[in-house]
Amino acid sequence: MENIETSEWFWSIIGRADLNRDKLKEILTGFSKEEIIKFQEEFVDASVELQDEPFIDYMEESEDGVEDIANWVVSNGKELYFQIMDNPEEIPHSVNDVTEQILYGVADEVCVEKYGESTGVY
């Protein structure tokens, strides 16, 4: 299932961040505004893929929950992401106890701090 436009560049950053928001922030702080926006776009695109059938059949009902689960899967990197793409039933039902591992939103924080505006990508 290779229909997602996520680059090796994106997955290498996710890997280097190692589920740590501060580490990701450090990495992204060295990036240009364009690179930060590109990272955010790829994150959102990858996450959105998981927020639909058949994945939502295995997740908790709430919209925020679904978004958190998808963002958590992306945050965990390429291997888990594609494993779940191929095996939707393996997606977590909930990630409420590991939300601090969700890397979503860091790119926006960095963009605001560095350039005074958000990425505008949600």
PDB file of N, CA and C in Angstrom:
ATOM      1  N   MET A   1       0.835  -1.189   0.000  1.00  0.00           N
ATOM      2  CA  MET A   1       0.000   0.000   0.000  1.00  0.00           C
ATOM      3  C   MET A   1       0.876   1.248   0.000  1.00  0.00           C
ATOM      4  N   GLU A   2       1.440   1.602  -1.112  1.00  0.00           N
ATOM      5  CA  GLU A   2       2.380   2.708  -1.186  1.00  0.00           C
ATOM      6  C   GLU A   2       1.751   3.947  -1.807  1.00  0.00           C
ATOM      7  N   ASN A   3       0.523   4.259  -1.478  1.00  0.00           N
ATOM      8  CA  ASN A   3      -0.123   5.419  -2.094  1.00  0.00           C
ATOM      9  C   ASN A   3       0.142   6.701  -1.325  1.00  0.00           C
ATOM     10  N   ILE A   4       0.866   6.612  -0.239  1.00  0.00           N
ATOM     11  CA  ILE A   4       1.101   7.777   0.595  1.00  0.00           C
ATOM     12  C   ILE A   4       2.392   8.453   0.153  1.00  0.00           C
ATOM     13  N   GLU A   5       2.358   9.762   0.099  1.00  0.00           N
ATOM     14  CA  GLU A   5       3.511  10.514  -0.365  1.00  0.00           C
ATOM     15  C   GLU A   5       4.430  10.896   0.787  1.00  0.00           C
ATOM     16  N   THR A   6       4.845   9.935   1.570  1.00  0.00           N
ATOM     17  CA  THR A   6       5.791  10.268   2.633  1.00  0.00           C
ATOM     18  C   THR A   6       7.180   9.902   2.158  1.00  0.00           C
ATOM     19  N   SER A   7       8.107  10.799   2.391  1.00  0.00           N
ATOM     20  CA  SER A   7       9.468  10.625   1.899  1.00  0.00           C
ATOM     21  C   SER A   7      10.351   9.941   2.939  1.00  0.00           C
ATOM     22  N   GLU A   8      11.464   9.423   2.464  1.00  0.00           N
ATOM     23  CA  GLU A   8      12.476   8.884   3.382  1.00  0.00           C
ATOM     24  C   GLU A   8      12.966   9.994   4.302  1.00  0.00           C
ATOM     25  N   TRP A   9      13.047  11.202   3.762  1.00  0.00           N
ATOM     26  CA  TRP A   9      13.448  12.367   4.554  1.00  0.00           C
ATOM     27  C   TRP A   9      12.535  12.518   5.773  1.00  0.00           C
ATOM     28  N   PHE A  10      11.228  12.442   5.524  1.00  0.00           N
ATOM     29  CA  PHE A  10      10.244  12.557   6.604  1.00  0.00           C
ATOM     30  C   PHE A  10      10.436  11.455   7.643  1.00  0.00           C
ATOM     31  N   TRP A  11      10.507  10.212   7.170  1.00  0.00           N
ATOM     32  CA  TRP A  11      10.620   9.086   8.110  1.00  0.00           C
ATOM     33  C   TRP A  11      11.938   9.116   8.874  1.00  0.00           C
ATOM     34  N   SER A  12      13.000   9.637   8.264  1.00  0.00           N
ATOM     35  CA  SER A  12      14.272   9.696   8.989  1.00  0.00           C
ATOM     36  C   SER A  12      14.188  10.709  10.138  1.00  0.00           C
ATOM     37  N   ILE A  13      13.467  11.801   9.919  1.00  0.00           N
ATOM     38  CA  ILE A  13      13.275  12.792  10.988  1.00  0.00           C
ATOM     39  C   ILE A  13      12.452  12.178  12.115  1.00  0.00           C
ATOM     40  N   ILE A  14      11.381  11.498  11.765  1.00  0.00           N
ATOM     41  CA  ILE A  14      10.546  10.825  12.770  1.00  0.00           C
ATOM     42  C   ILE A  14      11.408   9.840  13.565  1.00  0.00           C
ATOM     43  N   GLY A  15      12.234   9.084  12.865  1.00  0.00           N
ATOM     44  CA  GLY A  15      13.114   8.115  13.531  1.00  0.00           C
ATOM     45  C   GLY A  15      14.088   8.783  14.486  1.00  0.00           C
ATOM     46  N   ARG A  16      14.676   9.885  14.040  1.00  0.00           N
ATOM     47  CA  ARG A  16      15.638  10.601  14.886  1.00  0.00           C
ATOM     48  C   ARG A  16      14.979  11.213  16.104  1.00  0.00           C
ATOM     49  N   ALA A  17      13.726  11.619  15.973  1.00  0.00           N
ATOM     50  CA  ALA A  17      13.007  12.234  17.098  1.00  0.00           C
ATOM     51  C   ALA A  17      12.708  11.206  18.185  1.00  0.00           C
ATOM     52  N   ASP A  18      12.564   9.938  17.796  1.00  0.00           N
ATOM     53  CA  ASP A  18      12.431   8.844  18.762  1.00  0.00           C
ATOM     54  C   ASP A  18      11.306   9.071  19.778  1.00  0.00           C
ATOM     55  N   LEU A  19      10.137   9.467  19.292  1.00  0.00           N
ATOM     56  CA  LEU A  19       8.943   9.677  20.135  1.00  0.00           C
ATOM     57  C   LEU A  19       9.125  10.771  21.179  1.00  0.00           C
ATOM     58  N   ASN A  20      10.073  11.683  20.931  1.00  0.00           N
ATOM     59  CA  ASN A  20      10.359  12.718  21.904  1.00  0.00           C
ATOM     60  C   ASN A  20      10.099  14.093  21.277  1.00  0.00           C
ATOM     61  N   ARG A  21       9.107  14.788  21.799  1.00  0.00           N
ATOM     62  CA  ARG A  21       8.709  16.087  21.239  1.00  0.00           C
ATOM     63  C   ARG A  21       9.859  17.100  21.298  1.00  0.00           C
ATOM     64  N   ASP A  22      10.618  17.081  22.388  1.00  0.00           N
ATOM     65  CA  ASP A  22      11.734  18.028  22.522  1.00  0.00           C
ATOM     66  C   ASP A  22      12.822  17.746  21.495  1.00  0.00           C
ATOM     67  N   LYS A  23      13.086  16.475  21.261  1.00  0.00           N
ATOM     68  CA  LYS A  23      14.086  16.095  20.258  1.00  0.00           C
ATOM     69  C   LYS A  23      13.644  16.548  18.874  1.00  0.00           C
ATOM     70  N   LEU A  24      12.365  16.341  18.564  1.00  0.00           N
ATOM     71  CA  LEU A  24      11.847  16.750  17.267  1.00  0.00           C
ATOM     72  C   LEU A  24      11.946  18.270  17.121  1.00  0.00           C
ATOM     73  N   LYS A  25      11.627  18.962  18.196  1.00  0.00           N
ATOM     74  CA  LYS A  25      11.684  20.424  18.184  1.00  0.00           C
ATOM     75  C   LYS A  25      13.108  20.891  17.864  1.00  0.00           C
ATOM     76  N   GLU A  26      14.077  20.242  18.496  1.00  0.00           N
ATOM     77  CA  GLU A  26      15.485  20.550  18.260  1.00  0.00           C
ATOM     78  C   GLU A  26      15.858  20.358  16.784  1.00  0.00           C
ATOM     79  N   ILE A  27      15.414  19.234  16.202  1.00  0.00           N
ATOM     80  CA  ILE A  27      15.708  18.928  14.800  1.00  0.00           C
ATOM     81  C   ILE A  27      15.070  19.985  13.892  1.00  0.00           C
ATOM     82  N   LEU A  28      13.785  20.238  14.111  1.00  0.00           N
ATOM     83  CA  LEU A  28      13.055  21.154  13.226  1.00  0.00           C
ATOM     84  C   LEU A  28      13.511  22.602  13.358  1.00  0.00           C
ATOM     85  N   THR A  29      14.049  22.956  14.504  1.00  0.00           N
ATOM     86  CA  THR A  29      14.512  24.331  14.711  1.00  0.00           C
ATOM     87  C   THR A  29      15.637  24.679  13.734  1.00  0.00           C
ATOM     88  N   GLY A  30      16.373  23.685  13.291  1.00  0.00           N
ATOM     89  CA  GLY A  30      17.440  23.924  12.335  1.00  0.00           C
ATOM     90  C   GLY A  30      16.965  24.010  10.891  1.00  0.00           C
ATOM     91  N   PHE A  31      15.678  23.876  10.664  1.00  0.00           N
ATOM     92  CA  PHE A  31      15.126  23.818   9.311  1.00  0.00           C
ATOM     93  C   PHE A  31      14.630  25.171   8.819  1.00  0.00           C
ATOM     94  N   SER A  32      14.550  25.300   7.508  1.00  0.00           N
ATOM     95  CA  SER A  32      13.934  26.479   6.905  1.00  0.00           C
ATOM     96  C   SER A  32      12.418  26.379   7.081  1.00  0.00           C
ATOM     97  N   LYS A  33      11.755  27.506   6.886  1.00  0.00           N
ATOM     98  CA  LYS A  33      10.296  27.532   6.991  1.00  0.00           C
ATOM     99  C   LYS A  33       9.678  26.531   6.008  1.00  0.00           C
ATOM    100  N   GLU A  34      10.199  26.468   4.794  1.00  0.00           N
ATOM    101  CA  GLU A  34       9.683  25.558   3.767  1.00  0.00           C
ATOM    102  C   GLU A  34       9.802  24.099   4.226  1.00  0.00           C
ATOM    103  N   GLU A  35      10.943  23.780   4.838  1.00  0.00           N
ATOM    104  CA  GLU A  35      11.153  22.402   5.308  1.00  0.00           C
ATOM    105  C   GLU A  35      10.206  22.054   6.451  1.00  0.00           C
ATOM    106  N   ILE A  36       9.988  23.002   7.342  1.00  0.00           N
ATOM    107  CA  ILE A  36       9.063  22.768   8.466  1.00  0.00           C
ATOM    108  C   ILE A  36       7.653  22.525   7.928  1.00  0.00           C
ATOM    109  N   ILE A  37       7.250  23.317   6.960  1.00  0.00           N
ATOM    110  CA  ILE A  37       5.917  23.158   6.358  1.00  0.00           C
ATOM    111  C   ILE A  37       5.822  21.818   5.630  1.00  0.00           C
ATOM    112  N   LYS A  38       6.870  21.448   4.902  1.00  0.00           N
ATOM    113  CA  LYS A  38       6.886  20.157   4.194  1.00  0.00           C
ATOM    114  C   LYS A  38       6.744  19.002   5.199  1.00  0.00           C
ATOM    115  N   PHE A  39       7.470  19.102   6.318  1.00  0.00           N
ATOM    116  CA  PHE A  39       7.371  18.075   7.355  1.00  0.00           C
ATOM    117  C   PHE A  39       5.939  17.965   7.863  1.00  0.00           C
ATOM    118  N   GLN A  40       5.344  19.123   8.165  1.00  0.00           N
ATOM    119  CA  GLN A  40       3.966  19.151   8.665  1.00  0.00           C
ATOM    120  C   GLN A  40       2.998  18.548   7.650  1.00  0.00           C
ATOM    121  N   GLU A  41       3.175  18.893   6.369  1.00  0.00           N
ATOM    122  CA  GLU A  41       2.295  18.357   5.327  1.00  0.00           C
ATOM    123  C   GLU A  41       2.390  16.839   5.255  1.00  0.00           C
ATOM    124  N   GLU A  42       3.608  16.329   5.288  1.00  0.00           N
ATOM    125  CA  GLU A  42       3.778  14.873   5.208  1.00  0.00           C
ATOM    126  C   GLU A  42       3.193  14.190   6.435  1.00  0.00           C
ATOM    127  N   PHE A  43       3.370  14.810   7.595  1.00  0.00           N
ATOM    128  CA  PHE A  43       2.803  14.234   8.824  1.00  0.00           C
ATOM    129  C   PHE A  43       1.287  14.144   8.705  1.00  0.00           C
ATOM    130  N   VAL A  44       0.667  15.251   8.317  1.00  0.00           N
ATOM    131  CA  VAL A  44      -0.795  15.304   8.214  1.00  0.00           C
ATOM    132  C   VAL A  44      -1.295  14.307   7.163  1.00  0.00           C
ATOM    133  N   ASP A  45      -0.629  14.263   5.999  1.00  0.00           N
ATOM    134  CA  ASP A  45      -1.043  13.334   4.941  1.00  0.00           C
ATOM    135  C   ASP A  45      -0.981  11.886   5.416  1.00  0.00           C
ATOM    136  N   ALA A  46       0.096  11.536   6.095  1.00  0.00           N
ATOM    137  CA  ALA A  46       0.251  10.158   6.582  1.00  0.00           C
ATOM    138  C   ALA A  46      -0.812   9.836   7.624  1.00  0.00           C
ATOM    139  N   SER A  47      -1.075  10.791   8.503  1.00  0.00           N
ATOM    140  CA  SER A  47      -2.050  10.592   9.571  1.00  0.00           C
ATOM    141  C   SER A  47      -3.471  10.440   9.022  1.00  0.00           C
ATOM    142  N   VAL A  48      -3.817  11.286   8.062  1.00  0.00           N
ATOM    143  CA  VAL A  48      -5.170  11.265   7.496  1.00  0.00           C
ATOM    144  C   VAL A  48      -5.492   9.901   6.881  1.00  0.00           C
ATOM    145  N   GLU A  49      -4.482   9.255   6.310  1.00  0.00           N
ATOM    146  CA  GLU A  49      -4.675   7.924   5.716  1.00  0.00           C
ATOM    147  C   GLU A  49      -5.263   6.933   6.727  1.00  0.00           C
ATOM    148  N   LEU A  50      -4.937   7.130   7.999  1.00  0.00           N
ATOM    149  CA  LEU A  50      -5.372   6.191   9.045  1.00  0.00           C
ATOM    150  C   LEU A  50      -6.690   6.600   9.707  1.00  0.00           C
ATOM    151  N   GLN A  51      -7.226   7.742   9.309  1.00  0.00           N
ATOM    152  CA  GLN A  51      -8.441   8.248   9.964  1.00  0.00           C
ATOM    153  C   GLN A  51      -9.693   7.935   9.166  1.00  0.00           C
ATOM    154  N   ASP A  52      -9.735   6.758   8.586  1.00  0.00           N
ATOM    155  CA  ASP A  52     -10.837   6.375   7.713  1.00  0.00           C
ATOM    156  C   ASP A  52     -11.004   4.853   7.787  1.00  0.00           C
ATOM    157  N   GLU A  53     -11.968   4.337   7.038  1.00  0.00           N
ATOM    158  CA  GLU A  53     -12.112   2.879   6.923  1.00  0.00           C
ATOM    159  C   GLU A  53     -10.820   2.313   6.343  1.00  0.00           C
ATOM    160  N   PRO A  54     -10.413   1.131   6.672  1.00  0.00           N
ATOM    161  CA  PRO A  54     -10.984   0.235   7.678  1.00  0.00           C
ATOM    162  C   PRO A  54     -10.462   0.506   9.084  1.00  0.00           C
ATOM    163  N   PHE A  55      -9.532   1.459   9.231  1.00  0.00           N
ATOM    164  CA  PHE A  55      -8.845   1.656  10.517  1.00  0.00           C
ATOM    165  C   PHE A  55      -9.786   2.075  11.627  1.00  0.00           C
ATOM    166  N   ILE A  56     -10.742   2.963  11.311  1.00  0.00           N
ATOM    167  CA  ILE A  56     -11.622   3.477  12.366  1.00  0.00           C
ATOM    168  C   ILE A  56     -12.518   2.394  12.966  1.00  0.00           C
ATOM    169  N   ASP A  57     -12.663   1.277  12.261  1.00  0.00           N
ATOM    170  CA  ASP A  57     -13.452   0.172  12.822  1.00  0.00           C
ATOM    171  C   ASP A  57     -12.820  -0.388  14.095  1.00  0.00           C
ATOM    172  N   TYR A  58     -11.527  -0.165  14.262  1.00  0.00           N
ATOM    173  CA  TYR A  58     -10.795  -0.755  15.390  1.00  0.00           C
ATOM    174  C   TYR A  58     -10.449   0.269  16.465  1.00  0.00           C
ATOM    175  N   MET A  59     -10.873   1.517  16.275  1.00  0.00           N
ATOM    176  CA  MET A  59     -10.486   2.577  17.203  1.00  0.00           C
ATOM    177  C   MET A  59     -11.655   3.013  18.065  1.00  0.00           C
ATOM    178  N   GLU A  60     -11.317   3.715  19.151  1.00  0.00           N
ATOM    179  CA  GLU A  60     -12.352   4.314  19.986  1.00  0.00           C
ATOM    180  C   GLU A  60     -13.163   5.298  19.146  1.00  0.00           C
ATOM    181  N   GLU A  61     -14.346   5.611  19.617  1.00  0.00           N
ATOM    182  CA  GLU A  61     -15.315   6.370  18.832  1.00  0.00           C
ATOM    183  C   GLU A  61     -14.985   7.838  18.615  1.00  0.00           C
ATOM    184  N   SER A  62     -14.388   8.497  19.604  1.00  0.00           N
ATOM    185  CA  SER A  62     -14.274   9.955  19.531  1.00  0.00           C
ATOM    186  C   SER A  62     -13.358  10.405  18.398  1.00  0.00           C
ATOM    187  N   GLU A  63     -13.693  11.557  17.831  1.00  0.00           N
ATOM    188  CA  GLU A  63     -12.917  12.120  16.730  1.00  0.00           C
ATOM    189  C   GLU A  63     -11.491  12.447  17.186  1.00  0.00           C
ATOM    190  N   ASP A  64     -11.374  13.035  18.390  1.00  0.00           N
ATOM    191  CA  ASP A  64     -10.049  13.347  18.926  1.00  0.00           C
ATOM    192  C   ASP A  64      -9.246  12.077  19.130  1.00  0.00           C
ATOM    193  N   GLY A  65      -9.915  11.041  19.600  1.00  0.00           N
ATOM    194  CA  GLY A  65      -9.253   9.755  19.819  1.00  0.00           C
ATOM    195  C   GLY A  65      -8.696   9.204  18.534  1.00  0.00           C
ATOM    196  N   VAL A  66      -9.489   9.242  17.488  1.00  0.00           N
ATOM    197  CA  VAL A  66      -9.070   8.738  16.179  1.00  0.00           C
ATOM    198  C   VAL A  66      -7.851   9.514  15.683  1.00  0.00           C
ATOM    199  N   GLU A  67      -7.904  10.828  15.815  1.00  0.00           N
ATOM    200  CA  GLU A  67      -6.793  11.677  15.395  1.00  0.00           C
ATOM    201  C   GLU A  67      -5.541  11.367  16.209  1.00  0.00           C
ATOM    202  N   ASP A  68      -5.690  11.246  17.524  1.00  0.00           N
ATOM    203  CA  ASP A  68      -4.545  10.931  18.385  1.00  0.00           C
ATOM    204  C   ASP A  68      -3.926   9.588  18.009  1.00  0.00           C
ATOM    205  N   ILE A  69      -4.766   8.590  17.773  1.00  0.00           N
ATOM    206  CA  ILE A  69      -4.256   7.260  17.425  1.00  0.00           C
ATOM    207  C   ILE A  69      -3.476   7.330  16.117  1.00  0.00           C
ATOM    208  N   ALA A  70      -4.051   7.975  15.111  1.00  0.00           N
ATOM    209  CA  ALA A  70      -3.374   8.096  13.819  1.00  0.00           C
ATOM    210  C   ALA A  70      -2.055   8.845  13.967  1.00  0.00           C
ATOM    211  N   ASN A  71      -2.069   9.940  14.719  1.00  0.00           N
ATOM    212  CA  ASN A  71      -0.845  10.721  14.927  1.00  0.00           C
ATOM    213  C   ASN A  71       0.201   9.931  15.712  1.00  0.00           C
ATOM    214  N   TRP A  72      -0.245   9.117  16.656  1.00  0.00           N
ATOM    215  CA  TRP A  72       0.665   8.279  17.434  1.00  0.00           C
ATOM    216  C   TRP A  72       1.333   7.237  16.532  1.00  0.00           C
ATOM    217  N   VAL A  73       0.556   6.637  15.648  1.00  0.00           N
ATOM    218  CA  VAL A  73       1.116   5.635  14.731  1.00  0.00           C
ATOM    219  C   VAL A  73       2.190   6.276  13.846  1.00  0.00           C
ATOM    220  N   VAL A  74       1.887   7.439  13.287  1.00  0.00           N
ATOM    221  CA  VAL A  74       2.869   8.146  12.458  1.00  0.00           C
ATOM    222  C   VAL A  74       4.116   8.468  13.290  1.00  0.00           C
ATOM    223  N   SER A  75       3.910   8.929  14.512  1.00  0.00           N
ATOM    224  CA  SER A  75       5.015   9.298  15.399  1.00  0.00           C
ATOM    225  C   SER A  75       5.932   8.118  15.691  1.00  0.00           C
ATOM    226  N   ASN A  76       5.384   6.916  15.628  1.00  0.00           N
ATOM    227  CA  ASN A  76       6.164   5.710  15.916  1.00  0.00           C
ATOM    228  C   ASN A  76       7.016   5.251  14.735  1.00  0.00           C
ATOM    229  N   GLY A  77       6.872   5.894  13.607  1.00  0.00           N
ATOM    230  CA  GLY A  77       7.793   5.636  12.505  1.00  0.00           C
ATOM    231  C   GLY A  77       7.280   4.738  11.406  1.00  0.00           C
ATOM    232  N   LYS A  78       8.116   4.641  10.399  1.00  0.00           N
ATOM    233  CA  LYS A  78       7.782   4.001   9.131  1.00  0.00           C
ATOM    234  C   LYS A  78       7.390   2.532   9.283  1.00  0.00           C
ATOM    235  N   GLU A  79       8.152   1.792  10.083  1.00  0.00           N
ATOM    236  CA  GLU A  79       7.911   0.350  10.191  1.00  0.00           C
ATOM    237  C   GLU A  79       6.515   0.058  10.738  1.00  0.00           C
ATOM    238  N   LEU A  80       6.192   0.670  11.865  1.00  0.00           N
ATOM    239  CA  LEU A  80       4.861   0.449  12.458  1.00  0.00           C
ATOM    240  C   LEU A  80       3.771   0.981  11.521  1.00  0.00           C
ATOM    241  N   TYR A  81       4.027   2.136  10.924  1.00  0.00           N
ATOM    242  CA  TYR A  81       3.038   2.752  10.041  1.00  0.00           C
ATOM    243  C   TYR A  81       2.630   1.798   8.919  1.00  0.00           C
ATOM    244  N   PHE A  82       3.615   1.255   8.215  1.00  0.00           N
ATOM    245  CA  PHE A  82       3.278   0.396   7.088  1.00  0.00           C
ATOM    246  C   PHE A  82       2.763  -0.970   7.527  1.00  0.00           C
ATOM    247  N   GLN A  83       3.181  -1.408   8.712  1.00  0.00           N
ATOM    248  CA  GLN A  83       2.625  -2.646   9.268  1.00  0.00           C
ATOM    249  C   GLN A  83       1.120  -2.473   9.503  1.00  0.00           C
ATOM    250  N   ILE A  84       0.737  -1.316  10.032  1.00  0.00           N
ATOM    251  CA  ILE A  84      -0.679  -1.056  10.294  1.00  0.00           C
ATOM    252  C   ILE A  84      -1.441  -0.802   8.997  1.00  0.00           C
ATOM    253  N   MET A  85      -0.792  -0.167   8.022  1.00  0.00           N
ATOM    254  CA  MET A  85      -1.445   0.018   6.714  1.00  0.00           C
ATOM    255  C   MET A  85      -1.829  -1.343   6.131  1.00  0.00           C
ATOM    256  N   ASP A  86      -0.965  -2.325   6.325  1.00  0.00           N
ATOM    257  CA  ASP A  86      -1.209  -3.672   5.799  1.00  0.00           C
ATOM    258  C   ASP A  86      -2.086  -4.515   6.713  1.00  0.00           C
ATOM    259  N   ASN A  87      -2.159  -4.163   7.993  1.00  0.00           N
ATOM    260  CA  ASN A  87      -2.928  -4.932   8.983  1.00  0.00           C
ATOM    261  C   ASN A  87      -3.744  -3.979   9.852  1.00  0.00           C
ATOM    262  N   PRO A  88      -4.813  -3.426   9.298  1.00  0.00           N
ATOM    263  CA  PRO A  88      -5.596  -2.406  10.027  1.00  0.00           C
ATOM    264  C   PRO A  88      -6.051  -2.865  11.415  1.00  0.00           C
ATOM    265  N   GLU A  89      -6.270  -4.149  11.562  1.00  0.00           N
ATOM    266  CA  GLU A  89      -6.775  -4.650  12.849  1.00  0.00           C
ATOM    267  C   GLU A  89      -5.741  -4.492  13.966  1.00  0.00           C
ATOM    268  N   GLU A  90      -4.489  -4.195  13.622  1.00  0.00           N
ATOM    269  CA  GLU A  90      -3.439  -4.030  14.639  1.00  0.00           C
ATOM    270  C   GLU A  90      -3.342  -2.607  15.167  1.00  0.00           C
ATOM    271  N   ILE A  91      -4.140  -1.697  14.639  1.00  0.00           N
ATOM    272  CA  ILE A  91      -4.086  -0.311  15.116  1.00  0.00           C
ATOM    273  C   ILE A  91      -4.580  -0.268  16.560  1.00  0.00           C
ATOM    274  N   PRO A  92      -3.953   0.544  17.416  1.00  0.00           N
ATOM    275  CA  PRO A  92      -4.408   0.597  18.816  1.00  0.00           C
ATOM    276  C   PRO A  92      -5.844   1.116  18.904  1.00  0.00           C
ATOM    277  N   HIS A  93      -6.574   0.607  19.878  1.00  0.00           N
ATOM    278  CA  HIS A  93      -7.945   1.066  20.108  1.00  0.00           C
ATOM    279  C   HIS A  93      -7.919   2.468  20.717  1.00  0.00           C
ATOM    280  N   SER A  94      -6.904   2.727  21.525  1.00  0.00           N
ATOM    281  CA  SER A  94      -6.770   4.007  22.201  1.00  0.00           C
ATOM    282  C   SER A  94      -5.292   4.257  22.495  1.00  0.00           C
ATOM    283  N   VAL A  95      -4.904   5.524  22.581  1.00  0.00           N
ATOM    284  CA  VAL A  95      -3.516   5.857  22.954  1.00  0.00           C
ATOM    285  C   VAL A  95      -3.502   6.866  24.104  1.00  0.00           C
ATOM    286  N   ASN A  96      -4.587   6.885  24.870  1.00  0.00           N
ATOM    287  CA  ASN A  96      -4.718   7.879  25.938  1.00  0.00           C
ATOM    288  C   ASN A  96      -3.568   7.872  26.927  1.00  0.00           C
ATOM    289  N   ASP A  97      -2.940   6.718  27.123  1.00  0.00           N
ATOM    290  CA  ASP A  97      -1.860   6.631  28.110  1.00  0.00           C
ATOM    291  C   ASP A  97      -0.482   6.939  27.518  1.00  0.00           C
ATOM    292  N   VAL A  98      -0.417   7.221  26.221  1.00  0.00           N
ATOM    293  CA  VAL A  98       0.889   7.515  25.597  1.00  0.00           C
ATOM    294  C   VAL A  98       0.848   8.782  24.732  1.00  0.00           C
ATOM    295  N   THR A  99      -0.077   9.691  25.053  1.00  0.00           N
ATOM    296  CA  THR A  99      -0.226  10.880  24.208  1.00  0.00           C
ATOM    297  C   THR A  99       1.020  11.755  24.204  1.00  0.00           C
ATOM    298  N   GLU A 100       1.880  11.665  25.228  1.00  0.00           N
ATOM    299  CA  GLU A 100       3.100  12.484  25.224  1.00  0.00           C
ATOM    300  C   GLU A 100       4.071  12.047  24.127  1.00  0.00           C
ATOM    301  N   GLN A 101       3.820  10.870  23.527  1.00  0.00           N
ATOM    302  CA  GLN A 101       4.655  10.384  22.423  1.00  0.00           C
ATOM    303  C   GLN A 101       4.179  10.901  21.055  1.00  0.00           C
ATOM    304  N   ILE A 102       3.080  11.626  21.045  1.00  0.00           N
ATOM    305  CA  ILE A 102       2.545  12.102  19.764  1.00  0.00           C
ATOM    306  C   ILE A 102       3.327  13.334  19.321  1.00  0.00           C
ATOM    307  N   LEU A 103       3.941  13.238  18.148  1.00  0.00           N
ATOM    308  CA  LEU A 103       4.804  14.308  17.652  1.00  0.00           C
ATOM    309  C   LEU A 103       4.051  15.360  16.851  1.00  0.00           C
ATOM    310  N   TYR A 104       2.766  15.148  16.660  1.00  0.00           N
ATOM    311  CA  TYR A 104       1.969  16.116  15.903  1.00  0.00           C
ATOM    312  C   TYR A 104       1.956  17.463  16.619  1.00  0.00           C
ATOM    313  N   GLY A 105       2.070  18.540  15.850  1.00  0.00           N
ATOM    314  CA  GLY A 105       1.962  19.871  16.436  1.00  0.00           C
ATOM    315  C   GLY A 105       3.299  20.534  16.713  1.00  0.00           C
ATOM    316  N   VAL A 106       4.357  19.740  16.793  1.00  0.00           N
ATOM    317  CA  VAL A 106       5.677  20.295  17.089  1.00  0.00           C
ATOM    318  C   VAL A 106       6.119  21.223  15.955  1.00  0.00           C
ATOM    319  N   ALA A 107       5.870  20.817  14.713  1.00  0.00           N
ATOM    320  CA  ALA A 107       6.272  21.641  13.564  1.00  0.00           C
ATOM    321  C   ALA A 107       5.613  23.023  13.637  1.00  0.00           C
ATOM    322  N   ASP A 108       4.362  23.062  14.044  1.00  0.00           N
ATOM    323  CA  ASP A 108       3.669  24.346  14.177  1.00  0.00           C
ATOM    324  C   ASP A 108       4.304  25.206  15.265  1.00  0.00           C
ATOM    325  N   GLU A 109       4.613  24.595  16.411  1.00  0.00           N
ATOM    326  CA  GLU A 109       5.244  25.326  17.509  1.00  0.00           C
ATOM    327  C   GLU A 109       6.544  25.963  17.030  1.00  0.00           C
ATOM    328  N   VAL A 110       7.356  25.177  16.341  1.00  0.00           N
ATOM    329  CA  VAL A 110       8.656  25.655  15.864  1.00  0.00           C
ATOM    330  C   VAL A 110       8.461  26.778  14.848  1.00  0.00           C
ATOM    331  N   CYS A 111       7.518  26.601  13.954  1.00  0.00           N
ATOM    332  CA  CYS A 111       7.256  27.603  12.915  1.00  0.00           C
ATOM    333  C   CYS A 111       6.826  28.929  13.549  1.00  0.00           C
ATOM    334  N   VAL A 112       5.968  28.866  14.549  1.00  0.00           N
ATOM    335  CA  VAL A 112       5.502  30.071  15.240  1.00  0.00           C
ATOM    336  C   VAL A 112       6.670  30.738  15.965  1.00  0.00           C
ATOM    337  N   GLU A 113       7.472  29.945  16.674  1.00  0.00           N
ATOM    338  CA  GLU A 113       8.596  30.507  17.423  1.00  0.00           C
ATOM    339  C   GLU A 113       9.630  31.138  16.500  1.00  0.00           C
ATOM    340  N   LYS A 114       9.916  30.478  15.383  1.00  0.00           N
ATOM    341  CA  LYS A 114      10.975  30.939  14.482  1.00  0.00           C
ATOM    342  C   LYS A 114      10.524  32.003  13.490  1.00  0.00           C
ATOM    343  N   TYR A 115       9.301  31.858  12.993  1.00  0.00           N
ATOM    344  CA  TYR A 115       8.861  32.709  11.879  1.00  0.00           C
ATOM    345  C   TYR A 115       7.610  33.526  12.191  1.00  0.00           C
ATOM    346  N   GLY A 116       7.083  33.372  13.421  1.00  0.00           N
ATOM    347  CA  GLY A 116       5.958  34.200  13.813  1.00  0.00           C
ATOM    348  C   GLY A 116       4.614  33.803  13.246  1.00  0.00           C
ATOM    349  N   GLU A 117       4.557  32.636  12.578  1.00  0.00           N
ATOM    350  CA  GLU A 117       3.260  32.152  12.076  1.00  0.00           C
ATOM    351  C   GLU A 117       3.273  30.626  12.013  1.00  0.00           C
ATOM    352  N   SER A 118       2.075  30.047  12.048  1.00  0.00           N
ATOM    353  CA  SER A 118       1.983  28.597  12.000  1.00  0.00           C
ATOM    354  C   SER A 118       2.204  28.083  10.579  1.00  0.00           C
ATOM    355  N   THR A 119       2.296  26.779  10.440  1.00  0.00           N
ATOM    356  CA  THR A 119       2.487  26.186   9.117  1.00  0.00           C
ATOM    357  C   THR A 119       1.228  26.341   8.265  1.00  0.00           C
ATOM    358  N   GLY A 120       0.079  26.467   8.939  1.00  0.00           N
ATOM    359  CA  GLY A 120      -1.183  26.578   8.222  1.00  0.00           C
ATOM    360  C   GLY A 120      -1.660  25.246   7.657  1.00  0.00           C
ATOM    361  N   VAL A 121      -1.022  24.160   8.095  1.00  0.00           N
ATOM    362  CA  VAL A 121      -1.371  22.832   7.583  1.00  0.00           C
ATOM    363  C   VAL A 121      -1.945  22.007   8.720  1.00  0.00           C
ATOM    364  N   TYR A 122      -3.238  21.600   8.562  1.00  0.00           N
ATOM    365  CA  TYR A 122      -3.883  20.827   9.636  1.00  0.00           C
ATOM    366  C   TYR A 122      -4.606  19.629   9.059  1.00  0.00           C
TER     367      TYR A 122
END
